Amino acid sequence: MSAISLYAHTASADLSAKVAASQALLQQAVAEFQPLTQASSLGVEDMVITELLHQAGVLQAPSLSVFVLDTGKLHAETLALIGQIEARYGKTLDLYRPDAAAAQAFVAANGEDAMYKSIELRKACCDIRKMVPLAQALEGKKAWITGLRREQSNARAEVPDVDRSGERAKVNPLANWTLGDVWRFIELHGVPYNPLHDQFFPSIGCAPCTRAVTLGEDFRSGRWWWEQESAKECGLHVDHGEEAAPASSIIPIRPVNA
């Protein structure tokens, strides 16, 4: 059973109004925040946002970039979407990965399975593979666009459309969308998505930290499933951490360009 057949029929009756509001928000963000960037995990929400940017006529704006954190632990299915996005939209994605020496030293000291040994080690792995690259990706940006939805978890239940509380604004165009809304939009516009979603992976991160879920489980229960709910964030969307990671050891895979 595909994710579309499972969820698209549960879309909100006012989805078209939500789409219009999200496009207007993105147009406003591109006009107000220069430069800004979309943080794409290549998950279904971020695929929707890239399409919304395209439909809103702002994806090719010189001040807008789209970046991916290639952690070195992503599924092959996830990485395959990069070429699909670039071919569909004619937009080159900016790819960032962790410093190879730092990642290798961490594995040598703690093992490939370090993330399962303690929350501290798991978060240290996230710092090397996500937080440090994130700092470089956001350097100099006035705002970033994310796929956060209030429905995703208790920790995200109060996500605003635009969060201006940090060093840079965070724009959340899908904040009030439901999972059904996301999948109905995918269906309507033929947006490519990760085939792992059809294998009951609603939230996809690094391969060692992501598993399939069963019907009825929380959307994010397949992420860091061995940890308590309160710990289930990597730091990308935690206020005290997202601005603090150093950027000095980042190696971009490609030159950063819009």
C-alpha atoms as a PDB file:
ATOM      1  CA  MET A   1       0.000   0.000   0.000  1.00  0.00           C
ATOM      2  CA  SER A   2       1.437   3.376  -0.992  1.00  0.00           C
ATOM      3  CA  ALA A   3       1.590   6.328   1.357  1.00  0.00           C
ATOM      4  CA  ILE A   4      -0.627   8.234  -1.081  1.00  0.00           C
ATOM      5  CA  SER A   5      -3.392   5.625  -0.916  1.00  0.00           C
ATOM      6  CA  LEU A   6      -3.014   5.424   2.848  1.00  0.00           C
ATOM      7  CA  TYR A   7      -3.103   9.114   3.716  1.00  0.00           C
ATOM      8  CA  ALA A   8      -4.154  11.362   0.797  1.00  0.00           C
ATOM      9  CA  HIS A   9      -7.874  10.722   1.301  1.00  0.00           C
ATOM     10  CA  THR A  10      -7.649  12.246   4.797  1.00  0.00           C
ATOM     11  CA  ALA A  11      -6.677  15.695   3.508  1.00  0.00           C
ATOM     12  CA  SER A  12      -8.391  18.745   4.957  1.00  0.00           C
ATOM     13  CA  ALA A  13     -11.392  20.163   3.148  1.00  0.00           C
ATOM     14  CA  ASP A  14      -9.625  23.530   3.009  1.00  0.00           C
ATOM     15  CA  LEU A  15      -6.376  22.237   1.508  1.00  0.00           C
ATOM     16  CA  SER A  16      -6.546  24.661  -1.424  1.00  0.00           C
ATOM     17  CA  ALA A  17      -6.709  27.564   1.028  1.00  0.00           C
ATOM     18  CA  LYS A  18      -3.744  26.152   2.939  1.00  0.00           C
ATOM     19  CA  VAL A  19      -1.764  25.873  -0.295  1.00  0.00           C
ATOM     20  CA  ALA A  20      -2.513  29.485  -1.195  1.00  0.00           C
ATOM     21  CA  ALA A  21      -1.550  30.670   2.293  1.00  0.00           C
ATOM     22  CA  SER A  22       1.702  28.697   2.219  1.00  0.00           C
ATOM     23  CA  GLN A  23       2.634  30.075  -1.196  1.00  0.00           C
ATOM     24  CA  ALA A  24       1.904  33.612   0.003  1.00  0.00           C
ATOM     25  CA  LEU A  25       4.036  33.035   3.103  1.00  0.00           C
ATOM     26  CA  LEU A  26       6.935  31.802   0.975  1.00  0.00           C
ATOM     27  CA  GLN A  27       6.642  34.769  -1.393  1.00  0.00           C
ATOM     28  CA  GLN A  28       6.663  37.095   1.615  1.00  0.00           C
ATOM     29  CA  ALA A  29       9.689  35.315   3.074  1.00  0.00           C
ATOM     30  CA  VAL A  30      11.692  35.595  -0.158  1.00  0.00           C
ATOM     31  CA  ALA A  31      10.894  39.302  -0.326  1.00  0.00           C
ATOM     32  CA  GLU A  32      11.643  40.002   3.350  1.00  0.00           C
ATOM     33  CA  PHE A  33      14.625  37.770   4.130  1.00  0.00           C
ATOM     34  CA  GLN A  34      17.598  38.005   1.791  1.00  0.00           C
ATOM     35  CA  PRO A  35      19.414  35.715   1.614  1.00  0.00           C
ATOM     36  CA  LEU A  36      17.410  32.754   2.854  1.00  0.00           C
ATOM     37  CA  THR A  37      17.553  29.009   2.350  1.00  0.00           C
ATOM     38  CA  GLN A  38      15.339  25.937   2.434  1.00  0.00           C
ATOM     39  CA  ALA A  39      16.617  23.144   4.652  1.00  0.00           C
ATOM     40  CA  SER A  40      15.620  19.974   2.824  1.00  0.00           C
ATOM     41  CA  SER A  41      15.825  16.602   4.546  1.00  0.00           C
ATOM     42  CA  LEU A  42      14.440  15.166   1.284  1.00  0.00           C
ATOM     43  CA  GLY A  43      11.463  13.943   3.322  1.00  0.00           C
ATOM     44  CA  VAL A  44       7.939  14.336   2.034  1.00  0.00           C
ATOM     45  CA  GLU A  45       7.291  17.691   3.724  1.00  0.00           C
ATOM     46  CA  ASP A  46      10.411  19.221   2.217  1.00  0.00           C
ATOM     47  CA  MET A  47       9.544  17.860  -1.220  1.00  0.00           C
ATOM     48  CA  VAL A  48       6.198  19.647  -0.879  1.00  0.00           C
ATOM     49  CA  ILE A  49       7.903  22.895   0.107  1.00  0.00           C
ATOM     50  CA  THR A  50      10.240  22.845  -2.888  1.00  0.00           C
ATOM     51  CA  GLU A  51       7.216  22.349  -5.139  1.00  0.00           C
ATOM     52  CA  LEU A  52       5.380  25.184  -3.352  1.00  0.00           C
ATOM     53  CA  LEU A  53       8.375  27.465  -3.917  1.00  0.00           C
ATOM     54  CA  HIS A  54       8.288  26.504  -7.590  1.00  0.00           C
ATOM     55  CA  GLN A  55       4.549  27.105  -7.887  1.00  0.00           C
ATOM     56  CA  ALA A  56       4.896  30.427  -6.080  1.00  0.00           C
ATOM     57  CA  GLY A  57       7.447  31.518  -8.676  1.00  0.00           C
ATOM     58  CA  VAL A  58      10.280  32.110  -6.234  1.00  0.00           C
ATOM     59  CA  LEU A  59      12.377  28.924  -6.380  1.00  0.00           C
ATOM     60  CA  GLN A  60      14.790  30.503  -8.856  1.00  0.00           C
ATOM     61  CA  ALA A  61      15.170  33.722  -6.881  1.00  0.00           C
ATOM     62  CA  PRO A  62      18.894  34.600  -6.612  1.00  0.00           C
ATOM     63  CA  SER A  63      18.535  35.129  -2.869  1.00  0.00           C
ATOM     64  CA  LEU A  64      17.101  31.638  -2.261  1.00  0.00           C
ATOM     65  CA  SER A  65      19.106  28.426  -1.942  1.00  0.00           C
ATOM     66  CA  VAL A  66      18.114  24.870  -1.058  1.00  0.00           C
ATOM     67  CA  PHE A  67      20.515  22.744   0.957  1.00  0.00           C
ATOM     68  CA  VAL A  68      20.796  19.116   2.075  1.00  0.00           C
ATOM     69  CA  LEU A  69      22.885  17.761   4.949  1.00  0.00           C
ATOM     70  CA  ASP A  70      24.547  14.636   3.578  1.00  0.00           C
ATOM     71  CA  THR A  71      25.405  13.036   6.899  1.00  0.00           C
ATOM     72  CA  GLY A  72      27.187  10.050   5.399  1.00  0.00           C
ATOM     73  CA  LYS A  73      24.486   7.830   6.870  1.00  0.00           C
ATOM     74  CA  LEU A  74      21.528   8.531   4.589  1.00  0.00           C
ATOM     75  CA  HIS A  75      19.610   5.790   2.793  1.00  0.00           C
ATOM     76  CA  ALA A  76      20.399   5.329  -0.894  1.00  0.00           C
ATOM     77  CA  GLU A  77      16.722   6.050  -1.610  1.00  0.00           C
ATOM     78  CA  THR A  78      17.097   9.436   0.060  1.00  0.00           C
ATOM     79  CA  LEU A  79      20.224  10.420  -1.847  1.00  0.00           C
ATOM     80  CA  ALA A  80      18.609   9.446  -5.156  1.00  0.00           C
ATOM     81  CA  LEU A  81      16.125  12.298  -4.742  1.00  0.00           C
ATOM     82  CA  ILE A  82      18.840  14.914  -5.158  1.00  0.00           C
ATOM     83  CA  GLY A  83      19.172  14.255  -8.884  1.00  0.00           C
ATOM     84  CA  GLN A  84      15.401  14.071  -9.283  1.00  0.00           C
ATOM     85  CA  ILE A  85      14.934  17.478  -7.687  1.00  0.00           C
ATOM     86  CA  GLU A  86      17.656  19.097  -9.769  1.00  0.00           C
ATOM     87  CA  ALA A  87      16.226  17.625 -12.980  1.00  0.00           C
ATOM     88  CA  ARG A  88      12.629  18.590 -12.163  1.00  0.00           C
ATOM     89  CA  TYR A  89      13.302  22.195 -11.176  1.00  0.00           C
ATOM     90  CA  GLY A  90      16.634  23.087 -12.765  1.00  0.00           C
ATOM     91  CA  LYS A  91      17.846  24.102  -9.319  1.00  0.00           C
ATOM     92  CA  THR A  92      21.231  22.967  -8.016  1.00  0.00           C
ATOM     93  CA  LEU A  93      21.099  21.878  -4.383  1.00  0.00           C
ATOM     94  CA  ASP A  94      23.847  22.840  -1.948  1.00  0.00           C
ATOM     95  CA  LEU A  95      25.170  19.713  -0.220  1.00  0.00           C
ATOM     96  CA  TYR A  96      27.075  19.681   3.062  1.00  0.00           C
ATOM     97  CA  ARG A  97      28.720  16.800   4.873  1.00  0.00           C
ATOM     98  CA  PRO A  98      30.666  16.410   8.120  1.00  0.00           C
ATOM     99  CA  ASP A  99      34.398  16.711   8.363  1.00  0.00           C
ATOM    100  CA  ALA A 100      35.660  13.262   7.408  1.00  0.00           C
ATOM    101  CA  ALA A 101      38.400  13.165  10.036  1.00  0.00           C
ATOM    102  CA  ALA A 102      35.996  14.104  12.827  1.00  0.00           C
ATOM    103  CA  ALA A 103      33.462  11.474  11.737  1.00  0.00           C
ATOM    104  CA  GLN A 104      36.130   8.778  11.437  1.00  0.00           C
ATOM    105  CA  ALA A 105      37.616   9.621  14.829  1.00  0.00           C
ATOM    106  CA  PHE A 106      34.202   9.411  16.453  1.00  0.00           C
ATOM    107  CA  VAL A 107      33.547   5.989  14.940  1.00  0.00           C
ATOM    108  CA  ALA A 108      37.022   4.762  15.858  1.00  0.00           C
ATOM    109  CA  ALA A 109      36.537   5.825  19.466  1.00  0.00           C
ATOM    110  CA  ASN A 110      32.927   4.789  19.930  1.00  0.00           C
ATOM    111  CA  GLY A 111      32.007   2.269  17.207  1.00  0.00           C
ATOM    112  CA  GLU A 112      29.578   2.344  14.311  1.00  0.00           C
ATOM    113  CA  ASP A 113      26.759   1.652  16.757  1.00  0.00           C
ATOM    114  CA  ALA A 114      27.647   4.480  19.158  1.00  0.00           C
ATOM    115  CA  MET A 115      24.222   6.103  18.784  1.00  0.00           C
ATOM    116  CA  TYR A 116      22.585   3.124  20.493  1.00  0.00           C
ATOM    117  CA  LYS A 117      24.881   3.209  23.538  1.00  0.00           C
ATOM    118  CA  SER A 118      23.718   6.454  25.145  1.00  0.00           C
ATOM    119  CA  ILE A 119      21.803   9.634  24.426  1.00  0.00           C
ATOM    120  CA  GLU A 120      25.048  11.562  24.864  1.00  0.00           C
ATOM    121  CA  LEU A 121      26.821   9.553  22.159  1.00  0.00           C
ATOM    122  CA  ARG A 122      23.823   9.740  19.831  1.00  0.00           C
ATOM    123  CA  LYS A 123      23.682  13.511  20.187  1.00  0.00           C
ATOM    124  CA  ALA A 124      27.437  13.745  19.700  1.00  0.00           C
ATOM    125  CA  CYS A 125      27.014  11.867  16.434  1.00  0.00           C
ATOM    126  CA  CYS A 126      24.220  14.266  15.436  1.00  0.00           C
ATOM    127  CA  ASP A 127      26.479  17.204  16.290  1.00  0.00           C
ATOM    128  CA  ILE A 128      29.225  15.977  13.960  1.00  0.00           C
ATOM    129  CA  ARG A 129      26.970  14.885  11.125  1.00  0.00           C
ATOM    130  CA  LYS A 130      24.184  17.487  11.331  1.00  0.00           C
ATOM    131  CA  MET A 131      24.765  20.417  13.643  1.00  0.00           C
ATOM    132  CA  VAL A 132      28.186  21.466  12.410  1.00  0.00           C
ATOM    133  CA  PRO A 133      27.111  21.206   8.740  1.00  0.00           C
ATOM    134  CA  LEU A 134      23.931  23.089   9.598  1.00  0.00           C
ATOM    135  CA  ALA A 135      25.921  26.012  10.978  1.00  0.00           C
ATOM    136  CA  GLN A 136      27.789  26.372   7.676  1.00  0.00           C
ATOM    137  CA  ALA A 137      24.619  26.024   5.631  1.00  0.00           C
ATOM    138  CA  LEU A 138      22.962  28.807   7.633  1.00  0.00           C
ATOM    139  CA  GLU A 139      25.968  31.107   7.810  1.00  0.00           C
ATOM    140  CA  GLY A 140      25.039  34.560   6.549  1.00  0.00           C
ATOM    141  CA  LYS A 141      21.374  33.673   6.016  1.00  0.00           C
ATOM    142  CA  LYS A 142      18.601  35.914   7.316  1.00  0.00           C
ATOM    143  CA  ALA A 143      16.094  33.065   7.538  1.00  0.00           C
ATOM    144  CA  TRP A 144      15.573  29.390   6.756  1.00  0.00           C
ATOM    145  CA  ILE A 145      12.558  27.434   5.575  1.00  0.00           C
ATOM    146  CA  THR A 146      11.677  24.150   7.271  1.00  0.00           C
ATOM    147  CA  GLY A 147       9.068  21.403   6.971  1.00  0.00           C
ATOM    148  CA  LEU A 148       7.978  21.482  10.603  1.00  0.00           C
ATOM    149  CA  ARG A 149       4.318  20.682  11.218  1.00  0.00           C
ATOM    150  CA  ARG A 150       2.482  21.037  14.526  1.00  0.00           C
ATOM    151  CA  GLU A 151       1.029  17.580  14.118  1.00  0.00           C
ATOM    152  CA  GLN A 152       4.445  15.885  13.970  1.00  0.00           C
ATOM    153  CA  SER A 153       5.151  15.653  17.693  1.00  0.00           C
ATOM    154  CA  ASN A 154       4.413  17.195  21.072  1.00  0.00           C
ATOM    155  CA  ALA A 155       7.674  19.111  20.841  1.00  0.00           C
ATOM    156  CA  ARG A 156       6.424  20.794  17.657  1.00  0.00           C
ATOM    157  CA  ALA A 157       2.828  21.436  18.688  1.00  0.00           C
ATOM    158  CA  GLU A 158       3.338  25.199  19.023  1.00  0.00           C
ATOM    159  CA  VAL A 159       5.335  25.792  15.823  1.00  0.00           C
ATOM    160  CA  PRO A 160       4.463  29.271  14.435  1.00  0.00           C
ATOM    161  CA  ASP A 161       4.275  30.169  10.763  1.00  0.00           C
ATOM    162  CA  VAL A 162       7.309  32.400  11.248  1.00  0.00           C
ATOM    163  CA  ASP A 163       9.530  32.097  14.293  1.00  0.00           C
ATOM    164  CA  ARG A 164      11.547  35.268  14.839  1.00  0.00           C
ATOM    165  CA  SER A 165      12.864  34.341  18.279  1.00  0.00           C
ATOM    166  CA  GLY A 166      16.338  33.177  17.212  1.00  0.00           C
ATOM    167  CA  GLU A 167      19.342  34.720  15.526  1.00  0.00           C
ATOM    168  CA  ARG A 168      17.628  34.141  12.184  1.00  0.00           C
ATOM    169  CA  ALA A 169      13.960  33.684  11.375  1.00  0.00           C
ATOM    170  CA  LYS A 170      12.543  30.227  10.744  1.00  0.00           C
ATOM    171  CA  VAL A 171       9.734  30.006   8.189  1.00  0.00           C
ATOM    172  CA  ASN A 172       7.369  27.044   8.570  1.00  0.00           C
ATOM    173  CA  PRO A 173       4.926  27.077   5.630  1.00  0.00           C
ATOM    174  CA  LEU A 174       3.412  23.689   6.541  1.00  0.00           C
ATOM    175  CA  ALA A 175       2.896  24.425  10.227  1.00  0.00           C
ATOM    176  CA  ASN A 176      -0.873  23.830  10.119  1.00  0.00           C
ATOM    177  CA  TRP A 177      -0.864  21.102   7.436  1.00  0.00           C
ATOM    178  CA  THR A 178      -1.885  17.560   8.299  1.00  0.00           C
ATOM    179  CA  LEU A 179      -0.184  14.434   7.013  1.00  0.00           C
ATOM    180  CA  GLY A 180      -3.192  13.920   4.765  1.00  0.00           C
ATOM    181  CA  ASP A 181      -2.718  17.408   3.320  1.00  0.00           C
ATOM    182  CA  VAL A 182       0.918  16.652   2.525  1.00  0.00           C
ATOM    183  CA  TRP A 183       0.139  13.428   0.700  1.00  0.00           C
ATOM    184  CA  ARG A 184      -2.844  14.830  -1.194  1.00  0.00           C
ATOM    185  CA  PHE A 185      -0.604  17.622  -2.480  1.00  0.00           C
ATOM    186  CA  ILE A 186       1.998  15.060  -3.542  1.00  0.00           C
ATOM    187  CA  GLU A 187      -0.712  13.138  -5.395  1.00  0.00           C
ATOM    188  CA  LEU A 188      -2.230  16.182  -7.081  1.00  0.00           C
ATOM    189  CA  HIS A 189       1.062  17.496  -8.431  1.00  0.00           C
ATOM    190  CA  GLY A 190       3.035  14.325  -9.069  1.00  0.00           C
ATOM    191  CA  VAL A 191       5.817  15.392  -6.728  1.00  0.00           C
ATOM    192  CA  PRO A 192       8.598  12.784  -6.393  1.00  0.00           C
ATOM    193  CA  TYR A 193       9.132  11.340  -2.934  1.00  0.00           C
ATOM    194  CA  ASN A 194      11.242   8.830  -1.065  1.00  0.00           C
ATOM    195  CA  PRO A 195       9.984   5.272  -1.764  1.00  0.00           C
ATOM    196  CA  LEU A 196      10.734   4.426   1.863  1.00  0.00           C
ATOM    197  CA  HIS A 197       7.570   6.343   2.704  1.00  0.00           C
ATOM    198  CA  ASP A 198       5.663   3.533   0.994  1.00  0.00           C
ATOM    199  CA  GLN A 199       7.360   1.082   3.360  1.00  0.00           C
ATOM    200  CA  PHE A 200       5.907   2.788   6.472  1.00  0.00           C
ATOM    201  CA  PHE A 201       8.773   5.214   7.085  1.00  0.00           C
ATOM    202  CA  PRO A 202       6.805   8.453   7.747  1.00  0.00           C
ATOM    203  CA  SER A 203       9.891  10.271   9.083  1.00  0.00           C
ATOM    204  CA  ILE A 204      13.250   9.485   7.487  1.00  0.00           C
ATOM    205  CA  GLY A 205      16.644  10.445   8.858  1.00  0.00           C
ATOM    206  CA  CYS A 206      19.946   8.617   8.979  1.00  0.00           C
ATOM    207  CA  ALA A 207      19.646   4.898   8.261  1.00  0.00           C
ATOM    208  CA  PRO A 208      20.834   3.656  11.685  1.00  0.00           C
ATOM    209  CA  CYS A 209      18.362   5.944  13.449  1.00  0.00           C
ATOM    210  CA  THR A 210      15.243   5.316  11.369  1.00  0.00           C
ATOM    211  CA  ARG A 211      12.874   2.347  11.272  1.00  0.00           C
ATOM    212  CA  ALA A 212       9.464   1.586   9.839  1.00  0.00           C
ATOM    213  CA  VAL A 213       6.424   2.107  12.066  1.00  0.00           C
ATOM    214  CA  THR A 214       3.155   0.259  12.418  1.00  0.00           C
ATOM    215  CA  LEU A 215      -0.269   1.745  11.777  1.00  0.00           C
ATOM    216  CA  GLY A 216      -1.362   3.792  14.755  1.00  0.00           C
ATOM    217  CA  GLU A 217       2.129   4.661  15.943  1.00  0.00           C
ATOM    218  CA  ASP A 218       3.191   8.289  16.264  1.00  0.00           C
ATOM    219  CA  PHE A 219       4.626   9.807  13.065  1.00  0.00           C
ATOM    220  CA  ARG A 220       8.086  10.145  14.572  1.00  0.00           C
ATOM    221  CA  SER A 221       8.139   6.927  16.580  1.00  0.00           C
ATOM    222  CA  GLY A 222      10.505   5.418  14.023  1.00  0.00           C
ATOM    223  CA  ARG A 223      13.179   8.005  14.813  1.00  0.00           C
ATOM    224  CA  TRP A 224      15.545   7.118  17.701  1.00  0.00           C
ATOM    225  CA  TRP A 225      12.956   4.568  18.801  1.00  0.00           C
ATOM    226  CA  TRP A 226      15.135   3.332  21.676  1.00  0.00           C
ATOM    227  CA  GLU A 227      15.004   6.737  23.408  1.00  0.00           C
ATOM    228  CA  GLN A 228      12.345   8.473  25.472  1.00  0.00           C
ATOM    229  CA  GLU A 229      10.029  10.840  23.631  1.00  0.00           C
ATOM    230  CA  SER A 230      11.523  13.921  25.323  1.00  0.00           C
ATOM    231  CA  ALA A 231      14.945  13.210  23.789  1.00  0.00           C
ATOM    232  CA  LYS A 232      13.830  12.742  20.195  1.00  0.00           C
ATOM    233  CA  GLU A 233      15.416  15.736  18.489  1.00  0.00           C
ATOM    234  CA  CYS A 234      18.831  15.897  16.845  1.00  0.00           C
ATOM    235  CA  GLY A 235      19.265  19.600  17.618  1.00  0.00           C
ATOM    236  CA  LEU A 236      18.331  21.102  14.259  1.00  0.00           C
ATOM    237  CA  HIS A 237      15.062  22.416  15.663  1.00  0.00           C
ATOM    238  CA  VAL A 238      16.010  22.960  19.295  1.00  0.00           C
ATOM    239  CA  ASP A 239      16.299  26.651  20.088  1.00  0.00           C
ATOM    240  CA  HIS A 240      19.375  26.485  22.294  1.00  0.00           C
ATOM    241  CA  GLY A 241      21.368  24.391  19.856  1.00  0.00           C
ATOM    242  CA  GLU A 242      20.655  25.445  16.322  1.00  0.00           C
ATOM    243  CA  GLU A 243      22.776  28.598  16.369  1.00  0.00           C
ATOM    244  CA  ALA A 244      25.636  27.272  18.489  1.00  0.00           C
ATOM    245  CA  ALA A 245      27.406  24.701  16.331  1.00  0.00           C
ATOM    246  CA  PRO A 246      30.822  25.711  14.993  1.00  0.00           C
ATOM    247  CA  ALA A 247      31.308  25.818  11.249  1.00  0.00           C
ATOM    248  CA  SER A 248      35.067  25.708  10.888  1.00  0.00           C
ATOM    249  CA  SER A 249      35.412  22.032   9.998  1.00  0.00           C
ATOM    250  CA  ILE A 250      32.735  21.759   7.311  1.00  0.00           C
ATOM    251  CA  ILE A 251      33.582  20.458   3.850  1.00  0.00           C
ATOM    252  CA  PRO A 252      30.954  21.401   1.243  1.00  0.00           C
ATOM    253  CA  ILE A 253      30.504  18.702  -1.396  1.00  0.00           C
ATOM    254  CA  ARG A 254      29.861  21.438  -3.940  1.00  0.00           C
ATOM    255  CA  PRO A 255      30.492  25.171  -3.938  1.00  0.00           C
ATOM    256  CA  VAL A 256      27.595  26.936  -2.277  1.00  0.00           C
ATOM    257  CA  ASN A 257      25.578  28.706  -4.899  1.00  0.00           C
ATOM    258  CA  ALA A 258      21.988  29.723  -5.400  1.00  0.00           C
END
